[in-house]
Amino acid sequence: MLPMMKTALVVEDDPTIRLVLKTNLENDGHRVLEAETAEAALVTVQDDMPDIVLVDLRLPGIHGFDLVRSLRASSEVPIIIVTANTDSHDVVAGLEAGADDYVTKPFVTKELMARIRRQLRRPVTETDMPSGSILTCGPLELHQDTCEVRRDGVKIPVSRIEFDVLQALMGAQGRVLSRDYLLRTVWGYSNAGDGRVVDNLIYRLRGKIESDPSRPDLLLTIRGFGYRMKA
């Protein structure tokens, strides 16, 4: 069976860059939607429900940060920031707003496509996992066959990348996983990347799975080493 075509939304006001992204995405087998502004992107997302969104931060009108924040408030769609601004504050702000990853311009096409494929890879299915395969940590359950996370029996909405990070940590059974390990195995980085991508996703996850995110008792930080789930 041929894989289902995925839809990517490119939010970019520069027509040249937008064309480059569109061409590469189509060559990689994706359907591509385009928006020059955040306002247009919000309408497109509501109408077409893309599988992934690529966002330039410096947009006319509504800022890219606010677009990311608005998308994340109502959807778990994967979001990748594509920006020419390498300023640390902007990158962190974009990740804190809810983006799952970022690349800087000028980008390496092969690397960007690999990041996109990683975000879009097919979900785990019952043919991949034993039926009923469940990981647990206190009140938390991760159902590998249905890609669901539950706390005290209540389903928690998580993005694909959040699910994968939680699956890696819970599957480690209390062992510490470093940021570099998570970047390689979950995000698909070929070598050491930006640990802030991991840190901000952990922050978002804690907001979903912890009873008090400011005092986590399930997803723990091991300073100087990485993260682990409570054994």
Protein backbone atom coordinates (compact mmCIF):
# COMPACT_ATOMS: atom_id res chain seq x y z
CA MET A 1 0.00 0.00 0.00
CA LEU A 2 1.34 3.44 -0.95
CA PRO A 3 1.83 5.87 1.97
CA MET A 4 -0.87 8.53 2.26
CA MET A 5 0.25 11.93 0.98
CA LYS A 6 0.84 14.40 3.81
CA THR A 7 -0.10 18.07 3.62
CA ALA A 8 2.41 20.76 4.59
CA LEU A 9 1.56 24.41 5.15
CA VAL A 10 4.39 26.86 4.37
CA VAL A 11 3.95 30.24 6.08
CA GLU A 12 6.52 32.53 4.50
CA ASP A 13 6.25 36.07 3.10
CA ASP A 14 9.32 35.79 0.85
CA PRO A 15 8.09 34.29 -2.46
CA THR A 16 11.53 32.95 -3.39
CA ILE A 17 11.97 31.02 -0.16
CA ARG A 18 8.35 29.90 -0.31
CA LEU A 19 8.93 28.49 -3.80
CA VAL A 20 12.08 26.66 -2.68
CA LEU A 21 10.23 25.07 0.23
CA LYS A 22 7.23 24.21 -1.93
CA THR A 23 9.38 22.60 -4.61
CA ASN A 24 11.36 20.49 -2.15
CA LEU A 25 8.27 19.39 -0.26
CA GLU A 26 6.49 18.39 -3.47
CA ASN A 27 9.59 16.52 -4.64
CA ASP A 28 9.44 14.65 -1.32
CA GLY A 29 5.86 13.61 -2.03
CA HIS A 30 3.90 16.16 -0.02
CA ARG A 31 0.89 18.28 -0.88
CA VAL A 32 1.78 21.91 -0.17
CA LEU A 33 -0.37 24.80 0.98
CA GLU A 34 1.00 28.35 1.10
CA ALA A 35 0.32 31.43 3.21
CA GLU A 36 2.12 34.79 3.14
CA THR A 37 0.77 35.95 6.51
CA ALA A 38 -0.17 34.49 9.87
CA GLU A 39 -3.75 35.64 9.31
CA ALA A 40 -3.99 33.63 6.08
CA ALA A 41 -2.32 30.66 7.76
CA LEU A 42 -4.91 30.53 10.54
CA VAL A 43 -7.71 30.40 7.97
CA THR A 44 -5.90 27.70 5.99
CA VAL A 45 -5.33 25.56 9.08
CA GLN A 46 -9.00 25.78 9.98
CA ASP A 47 -10.11 24.88 6.43
CA ASP A 48 -7.52 22.28 5.43
CA MET A 49 -6.01 20.85 8.65
CA PRO A 50 -2.42 20.33 7.42
CA ASP A 51 -0.21 17.57 8.82
CA ILE A 52 2.72 19.91 9.47
CA VAL A 53 3.31 23.67 9.49
CA LEU A 54 6.55 25.48 8.60
CA VAL A 55 6.58 29.01 10.01
CA ASP A 56 8.82 31.99 9.34
CA LEU A 57 9.02 34.09 12.50
CA ARG A 58 9.30 37.49 10.82
CA LEU A 59 5.90 37.82 9.19
CA PRO A 60 3.98 40.98 8.30
CA GLY A 61 1.05 41.62 10.60
CA ILE A 62 0.69 38.96 13.27
CA HIS A 63 4.15 37.80 14.37
CA GLY A 64 5.28 34.22 13.84
CA PHE A 65 5.49 33.71 17.62
CA ASP A 66 1.81 34.54 17.97
CA LEU A 67 0.92 32.24 15.09
CA VAL A 68 2.77 29.35 16.73
CA ARG A 69 1.08 30.10 20.04
CA SER A 70 -2.37 30.22 18.42
CA LEU A 71 -1.82 26.97 16.55
CA ARG A 72 -0.55 25.17 19.64
CA ALA A 73 -3.50 26.36 21.71
CA SER A 74 -5.93 24.46 19.49
CA SER A 75 -3.89 21.75 17.77
CA GLU A 76 -1.07 19.25 18.23
CA VAL A 77 0.07 19.69 14.61
CA PRO A 78 3.88 19.51 14.27
CA ILE A 79 5.40 23.00 13.88
CA ILE A 80 8.88 23.73 12.57
CA ILE A 81 10.25 27.27 12.69
CA VAL A 82 12.23 28.28 9.60
CA THR A 83 13.98 31.55 10.35
CA ALA A 84 16.90 33.69 9.24
CA ASN A 85 17.23 35.07 12.74
CA THR A 86 19.65 33.00 14.78
CA ASP A 87 19.22 35.21 17.85
CA SER A 88 19.03 32.96 20.87
CA HIS A 89 16.08 34.85 22.34
CA ASP A 90 14.01 34.42 19.18
CA VAL A 91 14.75 30.70 18.94
CA VAL A 92 13.84 30.13 22.60
CA ALA A 93 10.70 32.26 22.29
CA GLY A 94 9.58 30.23 19.28
CA LEU A 95 10.14 26.95 21.09
CA GLU A 96 8.41 28.24 24.21
CA ALA A 97 5.45 29.29 22.07
CA GLY A 98 5.05 25.64 21.13
CA ALA A 99 7.21 24.86 18.10
CA ASP A 100 8.61 21.33 17.92
CA ASP A 101 11.85 22.14 16.09
CA TYR A 102 13.61 24.88 14.16
CA VAL A 103 16.01 25.36 11.27
CA THR A 104 17.85 28.51 10.27
CA LYS A 105 18.19 30.09 6.85
CA PRO A 106 20.03 29.42 4.67
CA PHE A 107 19.01 25.85 5.42
CA VAL A 108 20.40 22.60 4.07
CA THR A 109 17.53 21.07 2.10
CA LYS A 110 18.46 17.48 2.94
CA GLU A 111 18.51 18.27 6.66
CA LEU A 112 15.20 20.14 6.56
CA MET A 113 13.47 17.33 4.66
CA ALA A 114 14.82 14.81 7.17
CA ARG A 115 13.42 16.89 10.05
CA ILE A 116 10.04 17.09 8.31
CA ARG A 117 9.94 13.35 7.62
CA ARG A 118 10.80 12.68 11.24
CA GLN A 119 7.88 14.80 12.43
CA LEU A 120 5.54 13.14 9.92
CA ARG A 121 6.57 9.53 10.28
CA ARG A 122 3.65 7.16 10.58
CA PRO A 123 2.22 6.46 14.02
CA VAL A 124 2.96 3.27 15.88
CA THR A 125 0.26 0.70 15.05
CA GLU A 126 -0.85 -2.61 16.46
CA THR A 127 1.30 -4.35 13.85
CA ASP A 128 4.38 -2.69 15.35
CA MET A 129 3.64 -3.34 19.02
CA PRO A 130 2.14 -6.24 20.94
CA SER A 131 -1.57 -5.57 21.44
CA GLY A 132 -2.18 -3.87 24.77
CA SER A 133 1.46 -2.84 25.19
CA ILE A 134 1.28 -0.19 27.95
CA LEU A 135 4.06 1.67 29.75
CA THR A 136 3.26 3.01 33.21
CA CYS A 137 4.73 5.52 35.64
CA GLY A 138 2.62 6.16 38.74
CA PRO A 139 -0.78 7.44 37.54
CA LEU A 140 0.54 7.80 33.97
CA GLU A 141 -0.14 5.28 31.21
CA LEU A 142 1.30 5.33 27.69
CA HIS A 143 -0.62 3.07 25.31
CA GLN A 144 1.82 2.16 22.56
CA ASP A 145 -0.74 0.45 20.34
CA THR A 146 -3.12 3.43 20.18
CA CYS A 147 -0.58 6.26 20.73
CA GLU A 148 -2.55 7.55 23.73
CA VAL A 149 -1.35 9.00 27.02
CA ARG A 150 -3.61 8.85 30.08
CA ARG A 151 -3.33 10.09 33.65
CA ASP A 152 -5.70 8.50 36.14
CA GLY A 153 -7.59 7.13 33.15
CA VAL A 154 -8.12 10.56 31.56
CA LYS A 155 -6.70 11.00 28.05
CA ILE A 156 -4.06 13.73 27.67
CA PRO A 157 -3.65 15.31 24.21
CA VAL A 158 0.00 15.13 23.11
CA SER A 159 1.76 15.83 19.85
CA ARG A 160 3.62 13.09 18.00
CA ILE A 161 7.00 14.35 19.20
CA GLU A 162 5.75 14.64 22.80
CA PHE A 163 4.49 11.07 22.63
CA ASP A 164 7.84 9.84 21.32
CA VAL A 165 9.84 11.63 24.03
CA LEU A 166 7.56 10.27 26.72
CA GLN A 167 7.75 6.79 25.20
CA ALA A 168 11.57 6.91 25.21
CA LEU A 169 11.71 8.09 28.83
CA MET A 170 9.11 5.65 30.15
CA GLY A 171 10.66 2.81 28.18
CA ALA A 172 14.03 3.56 29.81
CA GLN A 173 12.52 2.43 33.16
CA GLY A 174 14.15 5.05 35.34
CA ARG A 175 17.43 5.38 33.44
CA VAL A 176 18.66 8.87 32.62
CA LEU A 177 18.46 9.90 28.97
CA SER A 178 20.66 12.78 27.84
CA ARG A 179 19.49 15.64 25.64
CA ASP A 180 21.81 14.49 22.85
CA TYR A 181 20.36 10.97 23.01
CA LEU A 182 16.82 12.31 22.70
CA LEU A 183 17.79 14.64 19.86
CA ARG A 184 19.30 11.72 17.93
CA THR A 185 16.64 9.10 18.60
CA VAL A 186 13.47 11.22 18.65
CA TRP A 187 14.21 14.29 16.53
CA GLY A 188 16.59 12.44 14.22
CA TYR A 189 19.55 14.80 14.54
CA SER A 190 22.64 13.23 12.98
CA ASN A 191 24.89 14.81 15.60
CA ALA A 192 24.63 16.97 18.70
CA GLY A 193 21.96 19.64 18.36
CA ASP A 194 20.32 22.39 20.38
CA GLY A 195 19.36 21.06 23.80
CA ARG A 196 16.82 23.87 24.19
CA VAL A 197 14.56 21.96 21.79
CA VAL A 198 14.43 19.15 24.33
CA ASP A 199 14.17 21.42 27.37
CA ASN A 200 11.18 23.31 26.01
CA LEU A 201 9.38 20.14 25.02
CA ILE A 202 9.97 18.71 28.51
CA TYR A 203 8.49 21.91 29.94
CA ARG A 204 5.38 21.47 27.78
CA LEU A 205 5.08 17.80 28.71
CA ARG A 206 5.24 18.59 32.41
CA GLY A 207 2.38 21.02 31.97
CA LYS A 208 0.32 18.10 30.70
CA ILE A 209 1.33 15.14 32.85
CA GLU A 210 2.32 16.61 36.24
CA SER A 211 -0.17 17.54 38.95
CA ASP A 212 2.15 20.47 39.81
CA PRO A 213 4.49 21.24 36.87
CA SER A 214 6.58 23.58 39.06
CA ARG A 215 7.37 20.61 41.33
CA PRO A 216 7.51 17.60 39.00
CA ASP A 217 7.37 14.19 40.60
CA LEU A 218 7.14 12.05 37.45
CA LEU A 219 9.46 13.60 34.84
CA LEU A 220 12.65 14.48 36.67
CA THR A 221 15.66 16.61 35.74
CA ILE A 222 19.06 15.12 36.55
CA ARG A 223 21.25 18.21 36.39
CA GLY A 224 24.27 17.85 34.16
CA PHE A 225 23.01 14.59 32.68
CA GLY A 226 19.47 14.80 31.30
CA TYR A 227 16.00 13.53 32.19
CA ARG A 228 14.39 10.41 33.58
CA MET A 229 10.98 9.18 34.64
CA LYS A 230 10.37 8.31 38.27
CA ALA A 231 11.08 4.60 38.76
